[in-house]
């Protein structure tokens, strides 16, 4: 499971010209799921993201988490995070999980984050053609892979 985590001042998802969901200050998480992901990957990433200290404290040091700041989180499914670009110029997405496997893990991830934050997690619509708008704060953008715990 891969995630791009962006600290944002605000973010929104629009589908067919209609705003689907939005957040204020917090995190926008683009989430990619592959065939060998499991509930363990969900739990690992959700816990790391909820507790990641990337918000500034009173001394302007990144010491606070989204939990500490009572921030919001938006999660958008992003199968292109598993693009394979080794051959040719057209990426292959064969490593991305099929919807029948990915949707339950995506929903489980949302549920885990809601448990950690004790509030609703904003979201996109799995598989939809979405327009994602954001104001990246910092900018702060972090990549995580549940199989590569660096």
C-alpha atoms as a PDB file:
ATOM      1  CA  UNK A   1       0.000   0.000   0.000  1.00  0.00           C
ATOM      2  CA  UNK A   2       1.360   3.380  -0.951  1.00  0.00           C
ATOM      3  CA  UNK A   3       0.385   6.832   0.203  1.00  0.00           C
ATOM      4  CA  UNK A   4       1.289  10.355  -0.760  1.00  0.00           C
ATOM      5  CA  UNK A   5       0.603  12.516   2.291  1.00  0.00           C
ATOM      6  CA  UNK A   6       0.303  16.250   1.762  1.00  0.00           C
ATOM      7  CA  UNK A   7      -0.091  18.790   4.524  1.00  0.00           C
ATOM      8  CA  UNK A   8      -2.787  21.156   3.264  1.00  0.00           C
ATOM      9  CA  UNK A   9      -4.539  24.361   4.191  1.00  0.00           C
ATOM     10  CA  UNK A  10      -7.561  22.988   2.309  1.00  0.00           C
ATOM     11  CA  UNK A  11      -8.459  20.327  -0.244  1.00  0.00           C
ATOM     12  CA  UNK A  12     -11.532  19.301  -2.212  1.00  0.00           C
ATOM     13  CA  UNK A  13     -12.757  16.642  -4.627  1.00  0.00           C
ATOM     14  CA  UNK A  14     -15.104  17.523  -7.479  1.00  0.00           C
ATOM     15  CA  UNK A  15     -16.894  14.963  -9.677  1.00  0.00           C
ATOM     16  CA  UNK A  16     -18.844  16.017 -12.776  1.00  0.00           C
ATOM     17  CA  UNK A  17     -18.658  19.654 -11.695  1.00  0.00           C
ATOM     18  CA  UNK A  18     -20.138  18.970  -8.235  1.00  0.00           C
ATOM     19  CA  UNK A  19     -18.051  19.316  -5.083  1.00  0.00           C
ATOM     20  CA  UNK A  20     -18.081  15.839  -3.533  1.00  0.00           C
ATOM     21  CA  UNK A  21     -16.152  16.527  -0.325  1.00  0.00           C
ATOM     22  CA  UNK A  22     -13.685  18.983   1.180  1.00  0.00           C
ATOM     23  CA  UNK A  23     -11.501  19.691   4.207  1.00  0.00           C
ATOM     24  CA  UNK A  24      -9.803  22.632   5.837  1.00  0.00           C
ATOM     25  CA  UNK A  25      -6.377  22.391   7.473  1.00  0.00           C
ATOM     26  CA  UNK A  26      -5.089  18.835   7.642  1.00  0.00           C
ATOM     27  CA  UNK A  27      -3.854  16.063   5.375  1.00  0.00           C
ATOM     28  CA  UNK A  28      -4.701  14.989   1.847  1.00  0.00           C
ATOM     29  CA  UNK A  29      -3.812  11.310   1.419  1.00  0.00           C
ATOM     30  CA  UNK A  30      -3.584   9.774  -2.050  1.00  0.00           C
ATOM     31  CA  UNK A  31      -3.839   6.004  -1.466  1.00  0.00           C
ATOM     32  CA  UNK A  32      -2.732   3.244  -3.828  1.00  0.00           C
ATOM     33  CA  UNK A  33      -3.476  -0.427  -3.210  1.00  0.00           C
ATOM     34  CA  UNK A  34      -1.728  -3.421  -4.762  1.00  0.00           C
ATOM     35  CA  UNK A  35      -2.574  -7.121  -4.991  1.00  0.00           C
ATOM     36  CA  UNK A  36      -0.535  -8.237  -1.996  1.00  0.00           C
ATOM     37  CA  UNK A  37      -1.877  -5.637   0.450  1.00  0.00           C
ATOM     38  CA  UNK A  38      -3.771  -6.750   3.530  1.00  0.00           C
ATOM     39  CA  UNK A  39      -5.413  -5.463   6.711  1.00  0.00           C
ATOM     40  CA  UNK A  40      -1.913  -5.282   8.257  1.00  0.00           C
ATOM     41  CA  UNK A  41      -0.917  -2.720   5.608  1.00  0.00           C
ATOM     42  CA  UNK A  42      -4.098  -0.746   6.323  1.00  0.00           C
ATOM     43  CA  UNK A  43      -3.421  -0.680  10.078  1.00  0.00           C
ATOM     44  CA  UNK A  44       0.249   0.225   9.645  1.00  0.00           C
ATOM     45  CA  UNK A  45      -0.374   3.179   7.296  1.00  0.00           C
ATOM     46  CA  UNK A  46      -3.427   4.506   9.140  1.00  0.00           C
ATOM     47  CA  UNK A  47      -1.549   4.533  12.455  1.00  0.00           C
ATOM     48  CA  UNK A  48       1.557   6.154  10.928  1.00  0.00           C
ATOM     49  CA  UNK A  49      -0.444   8.848   9.139  1.00  0.00           C
ATOM     50  CA  UNK A  50      -2.615   9.718  12.150  1.00  0.00           C
ATOM     51  CA  UNK A  51       0.449  10.080  14.374  1.00  0.00           C
ATOM     52  CA  UNK A  52       2.947  11.589  11.899  1.00  0.00           C
ATOM     53  CA  UNK A  53       4.338  14.794  13.410  1.00  0.00           C
ATOM     54  CA  UNK A  54       4.394  17.172  10.439  1.00  0.00           C
ATOM     55  CA  UNK A  55       2.525  20.186  11.843  1.00  0.00           C
ATOM     56  CA  UNK A  56       4.379  23.048  13.484  1.00  0.00           C
ATOM     57  CA  UNK A  57       4.359  23.660  17.228  1.00  0.00           C
ATOM     58  CA  UNK A  58       4.715  27.058  18.932  1.00  0.00           C
ATOM     59  CA  UNK A  59       8.470  27.006  18.168  1.00  0.00           C
ATOM     60  CA  UNK A  60       7.813  26.370  14.455  1.00  0.00           C
ATOM     61  CA  UNK A  61       9.174  22.797  14.707  1.00  0.00           C
ATOM     62  CA  UNK A  62       7.335  19.883  13.102  1.00  0.00           C
ATOM     63  CA  UNK A  63       6.292  18.248  16.375  1.00  0.00           C
ATOM     64  CA  UNK A  64       2.500  17.941  16.089  1.00  0.00           C
ATOM     65  CA  UNK A  65       0.312  15.343  14.403  1.00  0.00           C
ATOM     66  CA  UNK A  66      -3.062  15.794  12.741  1.00  0.00           C
ATOM     67  CA  UNK A  67      -4.472  14.376  16.002  1.00  0.00           C
ATOM     68  CA  UNK A  68      -2.697  17.048  18.061  1.00  0.00           C
ATOM     69  CA  UNK A  69      -3.981  19.855  15.841  1.00  0.00           C
ATOM     70  CA  UNK A  70      -7.523  18.501  15.501  1.00  0.00           C
ATOM     71  CA  UNK A  71      -6.944  18.609  11.738  1.00  0.00           C
ATOM     72  CA  UNK A  72      -8.947  16.910   9.048  1.00  0.00           C
ATOM     73  CA  UNK A  73      -8.001  14.150   6.604  1.00  0.00           C
ATOM     74  CA  UNK A  74      -9.183  13.519   3.069  1.00  0.00           C
ATOM     75  CA  UNK A  75      -8.384  10.195   1.368  1.00  0.00           C
ATOM     76  CA  UNK A  76      -8.499   9.771  -2.412  1.00  0.00           C
ATOM     77  CA  UNK A  77      -7.925   6.408  -4.106  1.00  0.00           C
ATOM     78  CA  UNK A  78      -5.024   6.596  -6.544  1.00  0.00           C
ATOM     79  CA  UNK A  79      -4.240   3.394  -8.465  1.00  0.00           C
ATOM     80  CA  UNK A  80      -1.591   5.249 -10.488  1.00  0.00           C
ATOM     81  CA  UNK A  81       0.740   5.137  -7.456  1.00  0.00           C
ATOM     82  CA  UNK A  82       1.541   1.603  -8.640  1.00  0.00           C
ATOM     83  CA  UNK A  83       2.490   2.646 -12.168  1.00  0.00           C
ATOM     84  CA  UNK A  84       5.322   0.638 -13.680  1.00  0.00           C
ATOM     85  CA  UNK A  85       7.419   2.792 -15.999  1.00  0.00           C
ATOM     86  CA  UNK A  86      10.390   0.580 -16.746  1.00  0.00           C
ATOM     87  CA  UNK A  87       9.385  -0.303 -20.336  1.00  0.00           C
ATOM     88  CA  UNK A  88       8.297   2.157 -22.988  1.00  0.00           C
ATOM     89  CA  UNK A  89       6.583   5.462 -22.409  1.00  0.00           C
ATOM     90  CA  UNK A  90       3.124   4.255 -21.419  1.00  0.00           C
ATOM     91  CA  UNK A  91       2.863   3.295 -17.746  1.00  0.00           C
ATOM     92  CA  UNK A  92       1.487  -0.099 -16.836  1.00  0.00           C
ATOM     93  CA  UNK A  93      -0.948  -0.312 -13.931  1.00  0.00           C
ATOM     94  CA  UNK A  94      -1.014  -4.099 -13.675  1.00  0.00           C
ATOM     95  CA  UNK A  95       0.368  -3.964 -10.115  1.00  0.00           C
ATOM     96  CA  UNK A  96      -2.657  -1.993  -8.874  1.00  0.00           C
ATOM     97  CA  UNK A  97      -5.269  -4.130  -7.132  1.00  0.00           C
ATOM     98  CA  UNK A  98      -8.533  -4.847  -8.932  1.00  0.00           C
ATOM     99  CA  UNK A  99     -11.580  -3.040  -7.472  1.00  0.00           C
ATOM    100  CA  UNK A 100     -13.025  -6.185  -5.872  1.00  0.00           C
ATOM    101  CA  UNK A 101      -9.916  -6.368  -3.683  1.00  0.00           C
ATOM    102  CA  UNK A 102      -9.046  -2.670  -3.427  1.00  0.00           C
ATOM    103  CA  UNK A 103     -12.457  -1.277  -2.408  1.00  0.00           C
ATOM    104  CA  UNK A 104     -12.742  -3.270   0.856  1.00  0.00           C
ATOM    105  CA  UNK A 105      -9.165  -2.279   1.827  1.00  0.00           C
ATOM    106  CA  UNK A 106      -9.853   1.367   0.921  1.00  0.00           C
ATOM    107  CA  UNK A 107     -13.005   1.359   3.060  1.00  0.00           C
ATOM    108  CA  UNK A 108     -11.143  -0.358   5.895  1.00  0.00           C
ATOM    109  CA  UNK A 109      -8.445   2.335   5.709  1.00  0.00           C
ATOM    110  CA  UNK A 110     -11.098   5.066   6.007  1.00  0.00           C
ATOM    111  CA  UNK A 111     -12.595   3.247   8.980  1.00  0.00           C
ATOM    112  CA  UNK A 112      -9.231   2.914  10.739  1.00  0.00           C
ATOM    113  CA  UNK A 113      -8.516   6.630  10.319  1.00  0.00           C
ATOM    114  CA  UNK A 114     -12.000   7.504  11.604  1.00  0.00           C
ATOM    115  CA  UNK A 115     -11.288   5.406  14.689  1.00  0.00           C
ATOM    116  CA  UNK A 116      -7.963   7.189  15.301  1.00  0.00           C
ATOM    117  CA  UNK A 117      -9.356  10.698  14.735  1.00  0.00           C
ATOM    118  CA  UNK A 118     -12.808  10.027  16.176  1.00  0.00           C
ATOM    119  CA  UNK A 119     -14.378  11.933  13.274  1.00  0.00           C
ATOM    120  CA  UNK A 120     -15.478  11.399   9.690  1.00  0.00           C
ATOM    121  CA  UNK A 121     -12.767  11.194   7.062  1.00  0.00           C
ATOM    122  CA  UNK A 122     -13.456  13.137   3.863  1.00  0.00           C
ATOM    123  CA  UNK A 123     -13.054  11.091   0.692  1.00  0.00           C
ATOM    124  CA  UNK A 124     -13.208  10.823  -3.016  1.00  0.00           C
ATOM    125  CA  UNK A 125     -15.296   8.222  -4.843  1.00  0.00           C
ATOM    126  CA  UNK A 126     -13.406   5.042  -5.657  1.00  0.00           C
ATOM    127  CA  UNK A 127     -12.910   4.680  -9.410  1.00  0.00           C
ATOM    128  CA  UNK A 128     -14.492   8.029 -10.316  1.00  0.00           C
ATOM    129  CA  UNK A 129     -12.906  10.648 -12.559  1.00  0.00           C
ATOM    130  CA  UNK A 130     -12.132  13.197  -9.854  1.00  0.00           C
ATOM    131  CA  UNK A 131     -10.728  16.701  -9.869  1.00  0.00           C
ATOM    132  CA  UNK A 132      -8.654  17.169  -6.727  1.00  0.00           C
ATOM    133  CA  UNK A 133      -7.797  20.705  -5.635  1.00  0.00           C
ATOM    134  CA  UNK A 134      -5.465  21.542  -2.774  1.00  0.00           C
ATOM    135  CA  UNK A 135      -3.336  24.223  -1.220  1.00  0.00           C
ATOM    136  CA  UNK A 136      -0.193  22.411  -0.076  1.00  0.00           C
ATOM    137  CA  UNK A 137       1.066  23.912   3.184  1.00  0.00           C
ATOM    138  CA  UNK A 138       4.833  24.255   3.276  1.00  0.00           C
ATOM    139  CA  UNK A 139       4.935  22.494   0.898  1.00  0.00           C
ATOM    140  CA  UNK A 140       5.056  19.268   2.893  1.00  0.00           C
ATOM    141  CA  UNK A 141       4.656  16.085   0.845  1.00  0.00           C
ATOM    142  CA  UNK A 142       5.645  12.632   2.117  1.00  0.00           C
ATOM    143  CA  UNK A 143       5.652   9.254   0.354  1.00  0.00           C
ATOM    144  CA  UNK A 144       5.069   6.063   2.320  1.00  0.00           C
ATOM    145  CA  UNK A 145       5.016   2.413   1.273  1.00  0.00           C
ATOM    146  CA  UNK A 146       3.761  -0.167   3.773  1.00  0.00           C
ATOM    147  CA  UNK A 147       6.140  -2.766   2.315  1.00  0.00           C
ATOM    148  CA  UNK A 148       9.179  -0.474   2.632  1.00  0.00           C
ATOM    149  CA  UNK A 149       9.132   0.811   6.203  1.00  0.00           C
ATOM    150  CA  UNK A 150      11.873   3.451   6.023  1.00  0.00           C
END
